[in-house]
């Protein structure tokens, strides 16, 4: 890895750590009469980001797989007229 990438990863890591430290409160979560145990606010935010990343990655993987399957199929034979 280049020094620039390492530096950027370090800056992002420090920013995420400071964000988590500043947002470490325990809000009460309620959803449709269900009450969940208090979770750290930073954990909730990071969990949402992780779920969004995984959803996007899964959609991209399925799209690439569909394209590969379509490329491996022979084109339909045209009927002589």
PDB file of N, CA and C in Angstrom:
ATOM      1  N   UNK A   1       0.830  -1.187   0.000  1.00  0.00           N
ATOM      2  CA  UNK A   1       0.000   0.000   0.000  1.00  0.00           C
ATOM      3  C   UNK A   1       0.867   1.240   0.000  1.00  0.00           C
ATOM      4  N   UNK A   2       0.388   2.247  -0.646  1.00  0.00           N
ATOM      5  CA  UNK A   2       1.163   3.473  -0.686  1.00  0.00           C
ATOM      6  C   UNK A   2       1.001   4.229   0.639  1.00  0.00           C
ATOM      7  N   UNK A   3       1.895   5.141   0.863  1.00  0.00           N
ATOM      8  CA  UNK A   3       1.879   5.906   2.109  1.00  0.00           C
ATOM      9  C   UNK A   3       0.639   6.783   2.197  1.00  0.00           C
ATOM     10  N   UNK A   4       0.139   7.235   1.055  1.00  0.00           N
ATOM     11  CA  UNK A   4      -1.059   8.075   1.056  1.00  0.00           C
ATOM     12  C   UNK A   4      -2.270   7.269   1.528  1.00  0.00           C
ATOM     13  N   UNK A   5      -2.423   6.038   1.034  1.00  0.00           N
ATOM     14  CA  UNK A   5      -3.542   5.202   1.442  1.00  0.00           C
ATOM     15  C   UNK A   5      -3.460   4.873   2.928  1.00  0.00           C
ATOM     16  N   UNK A   6      -2.279   4.569   3.415  1.00  0.00           N
ATOM     17  CA  UNK A   6      -2.113   4.272   4.839  1.00  0.00           C
ATOM     18  C   UNK A   6      -2.481   5.498   5.678  1.00  0.00           C
ATOM     19  N   UNK A   7      -2.036   6.670   5.235  1.00  0.00           N
ATOM     20  CA  UNK A   7      -2.349   7.903   5.951  1.00  0.00           C
ATOM     21  C   UNK A   7      -3.858   8.154   5.967  1.00  0.00           C
ATOM     22  N   UNK A   8      -4.530   7.974   4.819  1.00  0.00           N
ATOM     23  CA  UNK A   8      -5.969   8.193   4.748  1.00  0.00           C
ATOM     24  C   UNK A   8      -6.727   7.197   5.622  1.00  0.00           C
ATOM     25  N   UNK A   9      -6.311   5.932   5.633  1.00  0.00           N
ATOM     26  CA  UNK A   9      -6.946   4.949   6.507  1.00  0.00           C
ATOM     27  C   UNK A   9      -6.751   5.308   7.976  1.00  0.00           C
ATOM     28  N   UNK A  10      -5.605   5.818   8.313  1.00  0.00           N
ATOM     29  CA  UNK A  10      -5.337   6.238   9.687  1.00  0.00           C
ATOM     30  C   UNK A  10      -6.226   7.418  10.074  1.00  0.00           C
ATOM     31  N   UNK A  11      -6.368   8.382   9.181  1.00  0.00           N
ATOM     32  CA  UNK A  11      -7.221   9.549   9.460  1.00  0.00           C
ATOM     33  C   UNK A  11      -8.678   9.120   9.614  1.00  0.00           C
ATOM     34  N   UNK A  12      -9.154   8.243   8.737  1.00  0.00           N
ATOM     35  CA  UNK A  12     -10.531   7.756   8.825  1.00  0.00           C
ATOM     36  C   UNK A  12     -10.731   6.976  10.123  1.00  0.00           C
ATOM     37  N   UNK A  13      -9.776   6.153  10.495  1.00  0.00           N
ATOM     38  CA  UNK A  13      -9.871   5.393  11.739  1.00  0.00           C
ATOM     39  C   UNK A  13      -9.924   6.297  12.961  1.00  0.00           C
ATOM     40  N   UNK A  14      -9.117   7.330  12.966  1.00  0.00           N
ATOM     41  CA  UNK A  14      -9.135   8.275  14.086  1.00  0.00           C
ATOM     42  C   UNK A  14     -10.471   9.015  14.129  1.00  0.00           C
ATOM     43  N   UNK A  15     -10.972   9.429  12.967  1.00  0.00           N
ATOM     44  CA  UNK A  15     -12.255  10.136  12.917  1.00  0.00           C
ATOM     45  C   UNK A  15     -13.395   9.240  13.418  1.00  0.00           C
ATOM     46  N   UNK A  16     -13.402   7.974  13.017  1.00  0.00           N
ATOM     47  CA  UNK A  16     -14.444   7.055  13.481  1.00  0.00           C
ATOM     48  C   UNK A  16     -14.352   6.819  14.989  1.00  0.00           C
ATOM     49  N   UNK A  17     -13.143   6.729  15.501  1.00  0.00           N
ATOM     50  CA  UNK A  17     -12.957   6.531  16.930  1.00  0.00           C
ATOM     51  C   UNK A  17     -13.438   7.751  17.716  1.00  0.00           C
ATOM     52  N   UNK A  18     -13.093   8.935  17.258  1.00  0.00           N
ATOM     53  CA  UNK A  18     -13.552  10.155  17.936  1.00  0.00           C
ATOM     54  C   UNK A  18     -15.073  10.293  17.857  1.00  0.00           C
ATOM     55  N   UNK A  19     -15.657   9.937  16.729  1.00  0.00           N
ATOM     56  CA  UNK A  19     -17.109   9.980  16.584  1.00  0.00           C
ATOM     57  C   UNK A  19     -17.777   9.033  17.574  1.00  0.00           C
ATOM     58  N   UNK A  20     -17.244   7.824  17.689  1.00  0.00           N
ATOM     59  CA  UNK A  20     -17.823   6.852  18.617  1.00  0.00           C
ATOM     60  C   UNK A  20     -17.686   7.326  20.060  1.00  0.00           C
ATOM     61  N   UNK A  21     -16.552   7.926  20.392  1.00  0.00           N
ATOM     62  CA  UNK A  21     -16.332   8.414  21.757  1.00  0.00           C
ATOM     63  C   UNK A  21     -17.304   9.538  22.103  1.00  0.00           C
ATOM     64  N   UNK A  22     -17.536  10.444  21.169  1.00  0.00           N
ATOM     65  CA  UNK A  22     -18.423  11.573  21.414  1.00  0.00           C
ATOM     66  C   UNK A  22     -19.898  11.174  21.418  1.00  0.00           C
ATOM     67  N   UNK A  23     -20.260  10.092  20.769  1.00  0.00           N
ATOM     68  CA  UNK A  23     -21.664   9.678  20.655  1.00  0.00           C
ATOM     69  C   UNK A  23     -21.948   8.389  21.410  1.00  0.00           C
ATOM     70  N   UNK A  24     -21.343   8.209  22.543  1.00  0.00           N
ATOM     71  CA  UNK A  24     -21.527   6.970  23.290  1.00  0.00           C
ATOM     72  C   UNK A  24     -22.600   7.151  24.356  1.00  0.00           C
ATOM     73  N   UNK A  25     -23.786   7.563  23.950  1.00  0.00           N
ATOM     74  CA  UNK A  25     -24.918   7.647  24.873  1.00  0.00           C
ATOM     75  C   UNK A  25     -25.789   6.416  24.642  1.00  0.00           C
ATOM     76  N   UNK A  26     -26.694   6.176  25.566  1.00  0.00           N
ATOM     77  CA  UNK A  26     -27.539   4.987  25.482  1.00  0.00           C
ATOM     78  C   UNK A  26     -29.005   5.388  25.327  1.00  0.00           C
ATOM     79  N   UNK A  27     -29.454   5.666  24.114  1.00  0.00           N
ATOM     80  CA  UNK A  27     -30.862   6.028  23.927  1.00  0.00           C
ATOM     81  C   UNK A  27     -31.756   4.798  24.037  1.00  0.00           C
ATOM     82  N   UNK A  28     -32.972   5.012  24.488  1.00  0.00           N
ATOM     83  CA  UNK A  28     -33.954   3.918  24.554  1.00  0.00           C
ATOM     84  C   UNK A  28     -34.555   3.741  23.163  1.00  0.00           C
ATOM     85  N   UNK A  29     -34.594   2.535  22.709  1.00  0.00           N
ATOM     86  CA  UNK A  29     -35.144   2.242  21.380  1.00  0.00           C
ATOM     87  C   UNK A  29     -36.521   1.608  21.530  1.00  0.00           C
ATOM     88  N   UNK A  30     -37.508   2.188  20.856  1.00  0.00           N
ATOM     89  CA  UNK A  30     -38.863   1.649  20.853  1.00  0.00           C
ATOM     90  C   UNK A  30     -39.317   1.528  19.417  1.00  0.00           C
ATOM     91  N   UNK A  31     -39.948   0.395  19.098  1.00  0.00           N
ATOM     92  CA  UNK A  31     -40.430   0.156  17.745  1.00  0.00           C
ATOM     93  C   UNK A  31     -41.660  -0.731  17.825  1.00  0.00           C
ATOM     94  N   UNK A  32     -42.832  -0.193  17.466  1.00  0.00           N
ATOM     95  CA  UNK A  32     -44.095  -0.944  17.444  1.00  0.00           C
ATOM     96  C   UNK A  32     -44.369  -1.657  18.768  1.00  0.00           C
ATOM     97  N   UNK A  33     -44.360  -0.939  19.838  1.00  0.00           N
ATOM     98  CA  UNK A  33     -44.614  -1.440  21.197  1.00  0.00           C
ATOM     99  C   UNK A  33     -43.508  -2.355  21.716  1.00  0.00           C
ATOM    100  N   UNK A  34     -42.452  -2.549  20.971  1.00  0.00           N
ATOM    101  CA  UNK A  34     -41.313  -3.327  21.449  1.00  0.00           C
ATOM    102  C   UNK A  34     -40.274  -2.349  21.978  1.00  0.00           C
ATOM    103  N   UNK A  35     -39.699  -2.689  23.109  1.00  0.00           N
ATOM    104  CA  UNK A  35     -38.649  -1.843  23.657  1.00  0.00           C
ATOM    105  C   UNK A  35     -37.368  -2.669  23.734  1.00  0.00           C
ATOM    106  N   UNK A  36     -36.325  -2.149  23.138  1.00  0.00           N
ATOM    107  CA  UNK A  36     -35.054  -2.853  23.100  1.00  0.00           C
ATOM    108  C   UNK A  36     -34.148  -2.345  24.206  1.00  0.00           C
ATOM    109  N   UNK A  37     -33.233  -3.176  24.608  1.00  0.00           N
ATOM    110  CA  UNK A  37     -32.287  -2.744  25.636  1.00  0.00           C
ATOM    111  C   UNK A  37     -31.439  -1.600  25.089  1.00  0.00           C
ATOM    112  N   UNK A  38     -31.014  -0.695  25.952  1.00  0.00           N
ATOM    113  CA  UNK A  38     -30.235   0.455  25.471  1.00  0.00           C
ATOM    114  C   UNK A  38     -28.941   0.012  24.798  1.00  0.00           C
ATOM    115  N   UNK A  39     -28.713   0.573  23.642  1.00  0.00           N
ATOM    116  CA  UNK A  39     -27.496   0.302  22.880  1.00  0.00           C
ATOM    117  C   UNK A  39     -26.745   1.612  22.691  1.00  0.00           C
ATOM    118  N   UNK A  40     -25.433   1.563  22.575  1.00  0.00           N
ATOM    119  CA  UNK A  40     -24.695   2.810  22.318  1.00  0.00           C
ATOM    120  C   UNK A  40     -25.110   3.418  20.983  1.00  0.00           C
ATOM    121  N   UNK A  41     -25.296   4.720  20.961  1.00  0.00           N
ATOM    122  CA  UNK A  41     -25.726   5.403  19.756  1.00  0.00           C
ATOM    123  C   UNK A  41     -24.731   5.202  18.615  1.00  0.00           C
ATOM    124  N   UNK A  42     -23.444   5.238  18.934  1.00  0.00           N
ATOM    125  CA  UNK A  42     -22.434   5.023  17.898  1.00  0.00           C
ATOM    126  C   UNK A  42     -22.541   3.604  17.335  1.00  0.00           C
ATOM    127  N   UNK A  43     -22.850   2.636  18.164  1.00  0.00           N
ATOM    128  CA  UNK A  43     -23.019   1.261  17.696  1.00  0.00           C
ATOM    129  C   UNK A  43     -24.190   1.124  16.749  1.00  0.00           C
ATOM    130  N   UNK A  44     -25.273   1.851  17.054  1.00  0.00           N
ATOM    131  CA  UNK A  44     -26.447   1.829  16.176  1.00  0.00           C
ATOM    132  C   UNK A  44     -26.096   2.431  14.819  1.00  0.00           C
ATOM    133  N   UNK A  45     -25.382   3.543  14.826  1.00  0.00           N
ATOM    134  CA  UNK A  45     -25.012   4.201  13.573  1.00  0.00           C
ATOM    135  C   UNK A  45     -24.064   3.323  12.763  1.00  0.00           C
ATOM    136  N   UNK A  46     -23.043   2.773  13.420  1.00  0.00           N
ATOM    137  CA  UNK A  46     -22.099   1.901  12.713  1.00  0.00           C
ATOM    138  C   UNK A  46     -22.796   0.644  12.199  1.00  0.00           C
ATOM    139  N   UNK A  47     -23.754   0.123  12.956  1.00  0.00           N
ATOM    140  CA  UNK A  47     -24.514  -1.039  12.499  1.00  0.00           C
ATOM    141  C   UNK A  47     -25.329  -0.731  11.256  1.00  0.00           C
ATOM    142  N   UNK A  48     -25.942   0.459  11.220  1.00  0.00           N
ATOM    143  CA  UNK A  48     -26.700   0.868  10.034  1.00  0.00           C
ATOM    144  C   UNK A  48     -25.813   1.024   8.816  1.00  0.00           C
ATOM    145  N   UNK A  49     -24.640   1.605   9.028  1.00  0.00           N
ATOM    146  CA  UNK A  49     -23.687   1.758   7.912  1.00  0.00           C
ATOM    147  C   UNK A  49     -23.231   0.387   7.420  1.00  0.00           C
ATOM    148  N   UNK A  50     -22.976  -0.520   8.350  1.00  0.00           N
ATOM    149  CA  UNK A  50     -22.542  -1.866   7.975  1.00  0.00           C
ATOM    150  C   UNK A  50     -23.638  -2.603   7.207  1.00  0.00           C
ATOM    151  N   UNK A  51     -24.884  -2.491   7.662  1.00  0.00           N
ATOM    152  CA  UNK A  51     -25.988  -3.129   6.935  1.00  0.00           C
ATOM    153  C   UNK A  51     -26.149  -2.547   5.533  1.00  0.00           C
ATOM    154  N   UNK A  52     -26.005  -1.237   5.403  1.00  0.00           N
ATOM    155  CA  UNK A  52     -26.088  -0.607   4.083  1.00  0.00           C
ATOM    156  C   UNK A  52     -24.967  -1.062   3.170  1.00  0.00           C
ATOM    157  N   UNK A  53     -23.752  -1.169   3.715  1.00  0.00           N
ATOM    158  CA  UNK A  53     -22.618  -1.639   2.923  1.00  0.00           C
ATOM    159  C   UNK A  53     -22.840  -3.073   2.465  1.00  0.00           C
ATOM    160  N   UNK A  54     -23.285  -3.929   3.378  1.00  0.00           N
ATOM    161  CA  UNK A  54     -23.505  -5.329   3.017  1.00  0.00           C
ATOM    162  C   UNK A  54     -24.618  -5.474   1.984  1.00  0.00           C
ATOM    163  N   UNK A  55     -25.675  -4.666   2.108  1.00  0.00           N
ATOM    164  CA  UNK A  55     -26.758  -4.704   1.122  1.00  0.00           C
ATOM    165  C   UNK A  55     -26.278  -4.271  -0.257  1.00  0.00           C
ATOM    166  N   UNK A  56     -25.490  -3.207  -0.312  1.00  0.00           N
ATOM    167  CA  UNK A  56     -24.938  -2.745  -1.585  1.00  0.00           C
ATOM    168  C   UNK A  56     -23.979  -3.740  -2.193  1.00  0.00           C
ATOM    169  N   UNK A  57     -23.156  -4.354  -1.352  1.00  0.00           N
ATOM    170  CA  UNK A  57     -22.208  -5.354  -1.841  1.00  0.00           C
ATOM    171  C   UNK A  57     -22.936  -6.570  -2.385  1.00  0.00           C
ATOM    172  N   UNK A  58     -23.991  -7.005  -1.691  1.00  0.00           N
ATOM    173  CA  UNK A  58     -24.763  -8.158  -2.148  1.00  0.00           C
ATOM    174  C   UNK A  58     -25.457  -7.853  -3.475  1.00  0.00           C
ATOM    175  N   UNK A  59     -26.040  -6.658  -3.596  1.00  0.00           N
ATOM    176  CA  UNK A  59     -26.694  -6.287  -4.857  1.00  0.00           C
ATOM    177  C   UNK A  59     -25.679  -6.241  -5.998  1.00  0.00           C
ATOM    178  N   UNK A  60     -24.500  -5.701  -5.742  1.00  0.00           N
ATOM    179  CA  UNK A  60     -23.459  -5.642  -6.769  1.00  0.00           C
ATOM    180  C   UNK A  60     -23.011  -7.054  -7.156  1.00  0.00           C
ATOM    181  N   UNK A  61     -22.819  -7.931  -6.170  1.00  0.00           N
ATOM    182  CA  UNK A  61     -22.384  -9.301  -6.457  1.00  0.00           C
ATOM    183  C   UNK A  61     -23.425 -10.037  -7.294  1.00  0.00           C
ATOM    184  N   UNK A  62     -24.700  -9.840  -6.989  1.00  0.00           N
ATOM    185  CA  UNK A  62     -25.747 -10.500  -7.774  1.00  0.00           C
ATOM    186  C   UNK A  62     -25.799  -9.955  -9.201  1.00  0.00           C
ATOM    187  N   UNK A  63     -25.566  -8.655  -9.359  1.00  0.00           N
ATOM    188  CA  UNK A  63     -25.561  -8.056 -10.697  1.00  0.00           C
ATOM    189  C   UNK A  63     -24.402  -8.594 -11.526  1.00  0.00           C
ATOM    190  N   UNK A  64     -23.218  -8.698 -10.923  1.00  0.00           N
ATOM    191  CA  UNK A  64     -22.052  -9.228 -11.632  1.00  0.00           C
ATOM    192  C   UNK A  64     -22.279 -10.687 -12.000  1.00  0.00           C
ATOM    193  N   UNK A  65     -22.875 -11.455 -11.089  1.00  0.00           N
ATOM    194  CA  UNK A  65     -23.142 -12.868 -11.364  1.00  0.00           C
ATOM    195  C   UNK A  65     -24.124 -13.010 -12.530  1.00  0.00           C
ATOM    196  N   UNK A  66     -25.156 -12.155 -12.538  1.00  0.00           N
ATOM    197  CA  UNK A  66     -26.137 -12.207 -13.614  1.00  0.00           C
ATOM    198  C   UNK A  66     -25.493 -11.877 -14.954  1.00  0.00           C
ATOM    199  N   UNK A  67     -24.595 -10.890 -14.972  1.00  0.00           N
ATOM    200  CA  UNK A  67     -23.903 -10.537 -16.211  1.00  0.00           C
ATOM    201  C   UNK A  67     -23.004 -11.676 -16.690  1.00  0.00           C
ATOM    202  N   UNK A  68     -22.312 -12.338 -15.763  1.00  0.00           N
ATOM    203  CA  UNK A  68     -21.445 -13.450 -16.148  1.00  0.00           C
ATOM    204  C   UNK A  68     -22.255 -14.607 -16.708  1.00  0.00           C
ATOM    205  N   UNK A  69     -23.401 -14.891 -16.089  1.00  0.00           N
ATOM    206  CA  UNK A  69     -24.246 -15.964 -16.602  1.00  0.00           C
ATOM    207  C   UNK A  69     -24.785 -15.624 -17.986  1.00  0.00           C
ATOM    208  N   UNK A  70     -25.167 -14.388 -18.204  1.00  0.00           N
ATOM    209  CA  UNK A  70     -25.676 -13.977 -19.511  1.00  0.00           C
ATOM    210  C   UNK A  70     -24.575 -14.028 -20.565  1.00  0.00           C
ATOM    211  N   UNK A  71     -23.344 -13.699 -20.177  1.00  0.00           N
ATOM    212  CA  UNK A  71     -22.237 -13.729 -21.133  1.00  0.00           C
ATOM    213  C   UNK A  71     -21.832 -15.151 -21.480  1.00  0.00           C
ATOM    214  N   UNK A  72     -22.025 -16.093 -20.557  1.00  0.00           N
ATOM    215  CA  UNK A  72     -21.613 -17.468 -20.827  1.00  0.00           C
ATOM    216  C   UNK A  72     -22.653 -18.228 -21.652  1.00  0.00           C
ATOM    217  N   UNK A  73     -23.872 -17.729 -21.727  1.00  0.00           N
ATOM    218  CA  UNK A  73     -24.911 -18.380 -22.512  1.00  0.00           C
ATOM    219  C   UNK A  73     -24.696 -18.069 -23.993  1.00  0.00           C
ATOM    220  N   UNK A  74     -24.820 -19.074 -24.837  1.00  0.00           N
ATOM    221  CA  UNK A  74     -24.698 -18.789 -26.278  1.00  0.00           C
ATOM    222  C   UNK A  74     -25.909 -17.983 -26.744  1.00  0.00           C
ATOM    223  N   UNK A  75     -25.695 -17.143 -27.730  1.00  0.00           N
ATOM    224  CA  UNK A  75     -26.844 -16.364 -28.231  1.00  0.00           C
ATOM    225  C   UNK A  75     -27.861 -17.289 -28.864  1.00  0.00           C
ATOM    226  N   UNK A  76     -29.135 -16.903 -28.804  1.00  0.00           N
ATOM    227  CA  UNK A  76     -30.158 -17.777 -29.409  1.00  0.00           C
ATOM    228  C   UNK A  76     -29.970 -17.871 -30.912  1.00  0.00           C
ATOM    229  N   UNK A  77     -30.146 -19.074 -31.406  1.00  0.00           N
ATOM    230  CA  UNK A  77     -29.982 -19.306 -32.844  1.00  0.00           C
ATOM    231  C   UNK A  77     -31.145 -18.684 -33.607  1.00  0.00           C
ATOM    232  N   UNK A  78     -30.801 -18.004 -34.663  1.00  0.00           N
ATOM    233  CA  UNK A  78     -31.869 -17.398 -35.461  1.00  0.00           C
ATOM    234  C   UNK A  78     -32.460 -18.458 -36.378  1.00  0.00           C
ATOM    235  N   UNK A  79     -33.732 -18.363 -36.592  1.00  0.00           N
ATOM    236  CA  UNK A  79     -34.403 -19.341 -37.445  1.00  0.00           C
ATOM    237  C   UNK A  79     -34.304 -18.904 -38.902  1.00  0.00           C
ATOM    238  N   UNK A  80     -33.971 -19.824 -39.792  1.00  0.00           N
ATOM    239  CA  UNK A  80     -33.890 -19.456 -41.215  1.00  0.00           C
ATOM    240  C   UNK A  80     -35.289 -19.195 -41.775  1.00  0.00           C
ATOM    241  N   UNK A  81     -35.398 -18.221 -42.631  1.00  0.00           N
ATOM    242  CA  UNK A  81     -36.699 -17.893 -43.225  1.00  0.00           C
ATOM    243  C   UNK A  81     -36.732 -18.163 -44.684  1.00  0.00           C
TER     244      UNK A  81
END
